[in-house]
C-alpha cells in the first residue's frame, strides 16, 4: 500500500499522525540512546518497541515525517555534546532522559489502547504486552538510574 506524501513537522496532518510521528521521533532518539547507555537486552527491547510503533503506523496508514525523525535523531546526538559534569553525571542524565522516554512510550501505548484498542486494523498488536514491557523497562531503568545517581552525586 502506498501512503500519500506527508508534509514535514505535522503540517497538514491530523492529530493521530502528528502524535504517532512525535513518538516515532522520540523512539528513534531513544533507540540510539539505549544502545549507548543500557544493557543489550533493554536496547533490543527499545528497538523492538520502535518497530512495533512503525507497524502500528503502517496499519493505521500513517506516513513517516522524515524531517521530524531527523530532528529526533539529531537531538540524541546533541545530548552527547554536553561536556560539563563528567561522565558519571552524563550517564545519570542520559538514564533520566531514557526514563522519560519510556514513560512517554507507556503513555502512547495506553492512549492507543483506549482510542484504538478495538480497531480491527490493530488486530495482532498486543498493546497489553507493550504496556507491560514499558513498565518493566521503567523499573529496570530506575535501578540503573539509582546506581548512576550514587556514582554521580554520592
N, C-alpha and C. Protein backbone atom coordinates (compact mmCIF):
# COMPACT_ATOMS: atom_id res chain seq x y z
N UNK A 1 0.85 -1.17 0.00
CA UNK A 1 0.00 0.00 0.00
C UNK A 1 0.89 1.23 0.00
N UNK A 2 0.65 2.14 -0.88
CA UNK A 2 1.41 3.39 -0.98
C UNK A 2 0.73 4.46 -0.14
N UNK A 3 1.51 5.06 0.74
CA UNK A 3 0.98 6.13 1.58
C UNK A 3 1.21 7.46 0.89
N UNK A 4 0.27 8.34 1.05
CA UNK A 4 0.43 9.64 0.41
C UNK A 4 1.56 10.42 1.06
N UNK A 5 2.11 11.34 0.32
CA UNK A 5 3.22 12.14 0.80
C UNK A 5 2.78 12.97 2.02
N UNK A 6 3.68 13.13 2.95
CA UNK A 6 3.39 13.87 4.17
C UNK A 6 4.16 15.19 4.18
N UNK A 7 3.56 16.18 4.73
CA UNK A 7 4.25 17.45 4.91
C UNK A 7 5.08 17.34 6.19
N UNK A 8 6.22 18.06 6.27
CA UNK A 8 7.08 17.95 7.44
C UNK A 8 6.45 18.56 8.68
N UNK A 9 6.89 18.03 9.82
CA UNK A 9 6.54 18.54 11.15
C UNK A 9 5.04 18.59 11.39
N UNK A 10 4.30 17.68 10.79
CA UNK A 10 2.88 17.58 11.08
C UNK A 10 2.00 18.59 10.38
N UNK A 11 2.58 19.43 9.54
CA UNK A 11 1.78 20.43 8.86
C UNK A 11 0.79 19.74 7.93
N UNK A 12 -0.47 20.05 8.04
CA UNK A 12 -1.48 19.49 7.18
C UNK A 12 -1.93 18.09 7.57
N UNK A 13 -1.47 17.59 8.70
CA UNK A 13 -1.81 16.25 9.13
C UNK A 13 -2.82 16.29 10.27
N UNK A 14 -3.46 15.16 10.49
CA UNK A 14 -4.40 15.04 11.59
C UNK A 14 -3.69 14.74 12.90
N UNK A 15 -4.43 14.81 13.99
CA UNK A 15 -3.84 14.61 15.31
C UNK A 15 -3.16 13.25 15.48
N UNK A 16 -3.74 12.18 14.95
CA UNK A 16 -3.13 10.86 15.11
C UNK A 16 -1.78 10.79 14.43
N UNK A 17 -1.68 11.33 13.22
CA UNK A 17 -0.42 11.34 12.50
C UNK A 17 0.64 12.15 13.25
N UNK A 18 0.26 13.32 13.72
CA UNK A 18 1.20 14.16 14.46
C UNK A 18 1.66 13.44 15.72
N UNK A 19 0.73 12.86 16.45
CA UNK A 19 1.03 12.17 17.71
C UNK A 19 1.97 10.99 17.48
N UNK A 20 1.65 10.16 16.50
CA UNK A 20 2.48 8.99 16.26
C UNK A 20 3.85 9.37 15.73
N UNK A 21 3.93 10.39 14.89
CA UNK A 21 5.23 10.84 14.41
C UNK A 21 6.07 11.49 15.51
N UNK A 22 5.42 12.20 16.43
CA UNK A 22 6.16 12.73 17.58
C UNK A 22 6.77 11.59 18.38
N UNK A 23 5.99 10.54 18.60
CA UNK A 23 6.50 9.40 19.35
C UNK A 23 7.57 8.64 18.56
N UNK A 24 7.42 8.58 17.25
CA UNK A 24 8.44 7.92 16.44
C UNK A 24 9.76 8.68 16.51
N UNK A 25 9.71 9.99 16.50
CA UNK A 25 10.95 10.78 16.65
C UNK A 25 11.59 10.49 18.00
N UNK A 26 10.78 10.43 19.05
CA UNK A 26 11.32 10.09 20.37
C UNK A 26 11.86 8.67 20.42
N UNK A 27 11.16 7.74 19.77
CA UNK A 27 11.60 6.35 19.75
C UNK A 27 12.92 6.19 19.00
N UNK A 28 13.10 6.99 17.96
CA UNK A 28 14.35 6.96 17.20
C UNK A 28 15.50 7.44 18.07
N UNK A 29 15.31 8.56 18.76
CA UNK A 29 16.33 9.05 19.68
C UNK A 29 16.54 8.05 20.82
N UNK A 30 15.45 7.49 21.33
CA UNK A 30 15.54 6.55 22.45
C UNK A 30 16.29 5.29 22.09
N UNK A 31 16.12 4.79 20.87
CA UNK A 31 16.83 3.59 20.45
C UNK A 31 18.33 3.84 20.41
N UNK A 32 18.73 4.99 19.88
CA UNK A 32 20.15 5.34 19.86
C UNK A 32 20.69 5.50 21.27
N UNK A 33 19.94 6.17 22.11
CA UNK A 33 20.36 6.38 23.49
C UNK A 33 20.46 5.05 24.23
N UNK A 34 19.51 4.16 24.03
CA UNK A 34 19.52 2.86 24.70
C UNK A 34 20.75 2.04 24.31
N UNK A 35 21.12 2.10 23.03
CA UNK A 35 22.31 1.37 22.60
C UNK A 35 23.57 1.89 23.30
N UNK A 36 23.53 3.15 23.69
CA UNK A 36 24.70 3.77 24.32
C UNK A 36 24.73 3.58 25.82
N UNK A 37 23.58 3.59 26.51
CA UNK A 37 23.62 3.62 27.98
C UNK A 37 22.97 2.43 28.67
N UNK A 38 22.26 1.59 27.94
CA UNK A 38 21.56 0.47 28.59
C UNK A 38 22.22 -0.85 28.20
N UNK A 39 21.81 -1.90 28.88
CA UNK A 39 22.33 -3.22 28.52
C UNK A 39 21.72 -3.66 27.19
N UNK A 40 22.31 -4.68 26.60
CA UNK A 40 21.91 -5.13 25.27
C UNK A 40 20.45 -5.57 25.22
N UNK A 41 19.99 -6.25 26.28
CA UNK A 41 18.60 -6.74 26.28
C UNK A 41 17.61 -5.57 26.27
N UNK A 42 17.86 -4.56 27.08
CA UNK A 42 16.98 -3.40 27.14
C UNK A 42 17.03 -2.62 25.82
N UNK A 43 18.22 -2.46 25.28
CA UNK A 43 18.37 -1.76 24.00
C UNK A 43 17.61 -2.49 22.88
N UNK A 44 17.66 -3.82 22.90
CA UNK A 44 16.93 -4.61 21.91
C UNK A 44 15.42 -4.39 22.07
N UNK A 45 14.93 -4.39 23.29
CA UNK A 45 13.51 -4.16 23.53
C UNK A 45 13.07 -2.78 23.03
N UNK A 46 13.88 -1.78 23.28
CA UNK A 46 13.54 -0.42 22.85
C UNK A 46 13.45 -0.37 21.32
N UNK A 47 14.37 -1.03 20.65
CA UNK A 47 14.32 -1.08 19.19
C UNK A 47 13.09 -1.86 18.72
N UNK A 48 12.75 -2.95 19.39
CA UNK A 48 11.54 -3.71 19.04
C UNK A 48 10.28 -2.86 19.23
N UNK A 49 10.27 -2.04 20.28
CA UNK A 49 9.13 -1.15 20.50
C UNK A 49 9.02 -0.12 19.39
N UNK A 50 10.14 0.37 18.91
CA UNK A 50 10.13 1.31 17.78
C UNK A 50 9.55 0.62 16.54
N UNK A 51 9.95 -0.61 16.32
CA UNK A 51 9.40 -1.37 15.19
C UNK A 51 7.90 -1.62 15.37
N UNK A 52 7.46 -1.86 16.61
CA UNK A 52 6.03 -2.03 16.87
C UNK A 52 5.27 -0.75 16.54
N UNK A 53 5.87 0.39 16.87
CA UNK A 53 5.23 1.66 16.54
C UNK A 53 5.15 1.84 15.03
N UNK A 54 6.21 1.51 14.32
CA UNK A 54 6.18 1.58 12.85
C UNK A 54 5.09 0.67 12.28
N UNK A 55 4.92 -0.50 12.87
CA UNK A 55 3.87 -1.43 12.43
C UNK A 55 2.49 -0.80 12.66
N UNK A 56 2.29 -0.20 13.82
CA UNK A 56 1.02 0.46 14.11
C UNK A 56 0.77 1.57 13.09
N UNK A 57 1.80 2.34 12.79
CA UNK A 57 1.64 3.43 11.83
C UNK A 57 1.26 2.89 10.46
N UNK A 58 1.90 1.82 10.03
CA UNK A 58 1.57 1.21 8.73
C UNK A 58 0.12 0.73 8.73
N UNK A 59 -0.28 0.06 9.80
CA UNK A 59 -1.64 -0.48 9.88
C UNK A 59 -2.68 0.64 9.86
N UNK A 60 -2.35 1.78 10.46
CA UNK A 60 -3.28 2.91 10.51
C UNK A 60 -3.08 3.88 9.34
N UNK A 61 -2.26 3.50 8.38
CA UNK A 61 -1.97 4.32 7.19
C UNK A 61 -1.44 5.70 7.54
N UNK A 62 -0.55 5.74 8.51
CA UNK A 62 0.10 6.98 8.93
C UNK A 62 1.52 6.97 8.37
N UNK A 63 1.84 7.96 7.55
CA UNK A 63 3.17 8.06 6.97
C UNK A 63 4.17 8.63 7.95
N UNK A 64 5.43 8.47 7.61
CA UNK A 64 6.52 8.98 8.45
C UNK A 64 6.85 10.42 8.07
N UNK A 65 7.08 11.23 9.08
CA UNK A 65 7.55 12.60 8.89
C UNK A 65 9.07 12.55 9.00
N UNK A 66 9.75 12.51 7.86
CA UNK A 66 11.20 12.32 7.85
C UNK A 66 11.96 13.48 8.47
N UNK A 67 11.46 14.68 8.35
CA UNK A 67 12.11 15.82 8.99
C UNK A 67 12.05 15.68 10.51
N UNK A 68 10.89 15.30 11.02
CA UNK A 68 10.74 15.11 12.46
C UNK A 68 11.66 13.98 12.95
N UNK A 69 11.78 12.91 12.16
CA UNK A 69 12.68 11.81 12.51
C UNK A 69 14.12 12.31 12.58
N UNK A 70 14.51 13.12 11.62
CA UNK A 70 15.87 13.65 11.61
C UNK A 70 16.12 14.54 12.83
N UNK A 71 15.13 15.31 13.21
CA UNK A 71 15.28 16.16 14.39
C UNK A 71 15.42 15.33 15.67
N UNK A 72 14.65 14.23 15.77
CA UNK A 72 14.78 13.34 16.92
C UNK A 72 16.15 12.70 16.99
N UNK A 73 16.64 12.24 15.83
CA UNK A 73 17.96 11.65 15.75
C UNK A 73 19.02 12.68 16.16
N UNK A 74 18.87 13.90 15.64
CA UNK A 74 19.84 14.95 15.96
C UNK A 74 19.82 15.36 17.42
N UNK A 75 18.64 15.33 18.04
CA UNK A 75 18.55 15.67 19.46
C UNK A 75 19.35 14.70 20.30
N UNK A 76 19.28 13.41 19.98
CA UNK A 76 20.05 12.42 20.73
C UNK A 76 21.54 12.66 20.55
N UNK A 77 21.94 12.99 19.33
CA UNK A 77 23.36 13.26 19.07
C UNK A 77 23.81 14.50 19.84
N UNK A 78 22.94 15.50 19.95
CA UNK A 78 23.29 16.73 20.67
C UNK A 78 23.50 16.45 22.16
N UNK A 79 22.79 15.47 22.71
CA UNK A 79 23.00 15.11 24.12
C UNK A 79 24.44 14.70 24.38
N UNK A 80 25.07 14.11 23.40
CA UNK A 80 26.44 13.63 23.55
C UNK A 80 27.44 14.77 23.66
N UNK A 81 27.06 15.96 23.23
CA UNK A 81 27.99 17.10 23.20
C UNK A 81 28.13 17.79 24.55
N UNK A 82 27.23 17.51 25.48
CA UNK A 82 27.27 18.20 26.77
C UNK A 82 28.52 17.79 27.55
N UNK A 83 29.46 18.73 27.72
CA UNK A 83 30.73 18.37 28.35
C UNK A 83 30.74 18.50 29.88
N UNK A 84 29.92 19.34 30.43
CA UNK A 84 30.03 19.66 31.85
C UNK A 84 29.58 18.51 32.74
N UNK A 85 30.24 18.38 33.89
CA UNK A 85 29.80 17.45 34.91
C UNK A 85 30.49 16.12 34.93
N UNK A 86 31.16 15.73 33.87
CA UNK A 86 31.88 14.47 33.84
C UNK A 86 31.01 13.30 33.42
N UNK A 87 31.65 12.16 33.17
CA UNK A 87 30.95 11.00 32.64
C UNK A 87 29.89 10.41 33.58
N UNK A 88 30.11 10.48 34.88
CA UNK A 88 29.12 9.92 35.82
C UNK A 88 27.82 10.72 35.78
N UNK A 89 27.92 12.04 35.78
CA UNK A 89 26.73 12.88 35.69
C UNK A 89 26.06 12.72 34.33
N UNK A 90 26.86 12.63 33.31
CA UNK A 90 26.30 12.44 31.96
C UNK A 90 25.49 11.14 31.89
N UNK A 91 26.02 10.08 32.48
CA UNK A 91 25.29 8.80 32.47
C UNK A 91 23.97 8.93 33.22
N UNK A 92 24.00 9.59 34.38
CA UNK A 92 22.78 9.80 35.15
C UNK A 92 21.75 10.56 34.31
N UNK A 93 22.16 11.64 33.68
CA UNK A 93 21.23 12.43 32.89
C UNK A 93 20.74 11.66 31.66
N UNK A 94 21.61 10.87 31.04
CA UNK A 94 21.18 10.04 29.91
C UNK A 94 20.14 9.01 30.35
N UNK A 95 20.35 8.40 31.49
CA UNK A 95 19.38 7.43 32.00
C UNK A 95 18.07 8.11 32.36
N UNK A 96 18.14 9.33 32.87
CA UNK A 96 16.90 10.07 33.17
C UNK A 96 16.16 10.42 31.88
N UNK A 97 16.88 10.81 30.85
CA UNK A 97 16.25 11.09 29.55
C UNK A 97 15.59 9.82 29.01
N UNK A 98 16.28 8.71 29.15
CA UNK A 98 15.72 7.46 28.68
C UNK A 98 14.48 7.06 29.49
N UNK A 99 14.52 7.30 30.80
CA UNK A 99 13.37 7.01 31.65
C UNK A 99 12.16 7.84 31.24
N UNK A 100 12.40 9.10 30.94
CA UNK A 100 11.30 9.95 30.47
C UNK A 100 10.74 9.44 29.15
N UNK A 101 11.61 8.98 28.28
CA UNK A 101 11.16 8.42 27.01
C UNK A 101 10.29 7.18 27.20
N UNK A 102 10.68 6.33 28.13
CA UNK A 102 9.90 5.12 28.39
C UNK A 102 8.54 5.49 29.00
N UNK A 103 8.52 6.52 29.85
CA UNK A 103 7.23 7.00 30.38
C UNK A 103 6.33 7.47 29.24
N UNK A 104 6.93 8.19 28.29
CA UNK A 104 6.17 8.65 27.13
C UNK A 104 5.66 7.49 26.29
N UNK A 105 6.50 6.47 26.13
CA UNK A 105 6.10 5.29 25.36
C UNK A 105 4.95 4.58 26.07
N UNK A 106 5.01 4.47 27.37
CA UNK A 106 3.91 3.86 28.13
C UNK A 106 2.62 4.65 27.91
N UNK A 107 2.73 5.97 27.94
CA UNK A 107 1.56 6.82 27.70
C UNK A 107 1.01 6.60 26.29
N UNK A 108 1.89 6.45 25.31
CA UNK A 108 1.47 6.18 23.93
C UNK A 108 0.66 4.90 23.85
N UNK A 109 1.21 3.81 24.37
CA UNK A 109 0.52 2.52 24.27
C UNK A 109 -0.83 2.56 24.98
N UNK A 110 -0.87 3.23 26.13
CA UNK A 110 -2.13 3.32 26.87
C UNK A 110 -3.15 4.17 26.11
N UNK A 111 -2.70 5.26 25.50
CA UNK A 111 -3.61 6.10 24.71
C UNK A 111 -4.15 5.34 23.51
N UNK A 112 -3.28 4.60 22.83
CA UNK A 112 -3.73 3.81 21.68
C UNK A 112 -4.69 2.70 22.11
N UNK A 113 -4.42 2.10 23.26
CA UNK A 113 -5.32 1.06 23.76
C UNK A 113 -6.71 1.65 24.00
N UNK A 114 -6.74 2.84 24.56
CA UNK A 114 -8.03 3.48 24.85
C UNK A 114 -8.77 3.91 23.59
N UNK A 115 -8.03 4.49 22.64
CA UNK A 115 -8.68 5.08 21.48
C UNK A 115 -8.80 4.14 20.28
N UNK A 116 -7.90 3.16 20.18
CA UNK A 116 -7.89 2.28 19.01
C UNK A 116 -7.82 0.80 19.38
N UNK A 117 -8.05 0.50 20.64
CA UNK A 117 -7.94 -0.88 21.10
C UNK A 117 -8.87 -1.84 20.37
N UNK A 118 -10.01 -1.35 19.89
CA UNK A 118 -10.97 -2.20 19.18
C UNK A 118 -10.87 -2.05 17.66
N UNK A 119 -9.90 -1.28 17.20
CA UNK A 119 -9.75 -1.06 15.76
C UNK A 119 -9.26 -2.36 15.11
N UNK A 120 -10.02 -2.89 14.14
CA UNK A 120 -9.62 -4.15 13.52
C UNK A 120 -8.26 -4.09 12.82
N UNK A 121 -7.82 -2.90 12.44
CA UNK A 121 -6.51 -2.78 11.79
C UNK A 121 -5.37 -3.10 12.75
N UNK A 122 -5.64 -2.99 14.06
CA UNK A 122 -4.60 -3.30 15.05
C UNK A 122 -4.71 -4.71 15.60
N UNK A 123 -5.57 -5.52 14.99
CA UNK A 123 -5.66 -6.92 15.40
C UNK A 123 -4.28 -7.56 15.24
N UNK A 124 -3.80 -8.20 16.27
CA UNK A 124 -2.47 -8.80 16.25
C UNK A 124 -1.41 -7.95 16.92
N UNK A 125 -1.73 -6.70 17.23
CA UNK A 125 -0.82 -5.85 18.00
C UNK A 125 -1.22 -5.99 19.46
N UNK A 126 -0.33 -6.52 20.27
CA UNK A 126 -0.64 -6.79 21.67
C UNK A 126 -0.29 -5.56 22.52
N UNK A 127 -1.23 -4.64 22.60
CA UNK A 127 -0.98 -3.41 23.37
C UNK A 127 -0.78 -3.71 24.84
N UNK A 128 -1.48 -4.72 25.39
CA UNK A 128 -1.26 -5.10 26.79
C UNK A 128 0.19 -5.50 27.03
N UNK A 129 0.75 -6.27 26.11
CA UNK A 129 2.15 -6.70 26.24
C UNK A 129 3.10 -5.51 26.10
N UNK A 130 2.82 -4.60 25.18
CA UNK A 130 3.66 -3.42 25.02
C UNK A 130 3.61 -2.54 26.27
N UNK A 131 2.46 -2.44 26.89
CA UNK A 131 2.31 -1.69 28.14
C UNK A 131 3.11 -2.37 29.25
N UNK A 132 2.97 -3.67 29.37
CA UNK A 132 3.71 -4.41 30.40
C UNK A 132 5.21 -4.28 30.19
N UNK A 133 5.65 -4.34 28.94
CA UNK A 133 7.08 -4.24 28.66
C UNK A 133 7.60 -2.85 29.00
N UNK A 134 6.83 -1.81 28.71
CA UNK A 134 7.26 -0.45 29.06
C UNK A 134 7.38 -0.30 30.58
N UNK A 135 6.45 -0.87 31.31
CA UNK A 135 6.52 -0.82 32.78
C UNK A 135 7.76 -1.55 33.29
N UNK A 136 8.06 -2.70 32.69
CA UNK A 136 9.26 -3.45 33.07
C UNK A 136 10.53 -2.66 32.75
N UNK A 137 10.56 -2.03 31.59
CA UNK A 137 11.71 -1.21 31.22
C UNK A 137 11.90 -0.07 32.21
N UNK A 138 10.80 0.54 32.61
CA UNK A 138 10.88 1.66 33.55
C UNK A 138 11.48 1.21 34.89
N UNK A 139 11.04 0.03 35.36
CA UNK A 139 11.60 -0.49 36.63
C UNK A 139 13.10 -0.77 36.49
N UNK A 140 13.50 -1.37 35.39
CA UNK A 140 14.93 -1.68 35.20
C UNK A 140 15.75 -0.41 35.06
N UNK A 141 15.21 0.58 34.34
CA UNK A 141 15.92 1.84 34.21
C UNK A 141 16.06 2.55 35.55
N UNK A 142 15.04 2.45 36.37
CA UNK A 142 15.11 3.11 37.68
C UNK A 142 16.24 2.53 38.51
N UNK A 143 16.44 1.23 38.44
CA UNK A 143 17.55 0.61 39.15
C UNK A 143 18.89 1.12 38.62
N UNK A 144 19.02 1.18 37.30
CA UNK A 144 20.25 1.73 36.71
C UNK A 144 20.43 3.20 37.08
N UNK A 145 19.34 3.94 37.08
CA UNK A 145 19.39 5.37 37.39
C UNK A 145 19.84 5.61 38.82
N UNK A 146 19.34 4.82 39.74
CA UNK A 146 19.74 4.99 41.14
C UNK A 146 21.22 4.67 41.34
N UNK A 147 21.73 3.65 40.66
CA UNK A 147 23.16 3.37 40.71
C UNK A 147 23.97 4.52 40.13
N UNK A 148 23.48 5.07 39.03
CA UNK A 148 24.19 6.21 38.41
C UNK A 148 24.13 7.43 39.32
N UNK A 149 23.02 7.61 40.04
CA UNK A 149 22.92 8.74 40.98
C UNK A 149 23.95 8.59 42.10
N UNK A 150 24.09 7.37 42.61
CA UNK A 150 25.11 7.13 43.64
C UNK A 150 26.50 7.49 43.12
N UNK A 151 26.78 7.08 41.88
CA UNK A 151 28.11 7.35 41.29
C UNK A 151 28.32 8.84 41.04
N UNK A 152 27.30 9.53 40.56
CA UNK A 152 27.45 10.93 40.15
C UNK A 152 27.33 11.90 41.32
N UNK A 153 26.47 11.59 42.27
CA UNK A 153 26.13 12.57 43.30
C UNK A 153 26.52 12.15 44.71
N UNK A 154 26.81 10.86 44.87
CA UNK A 154 27.06 10.33 46.22
C UNK A 154 28.43 10.61 46.75
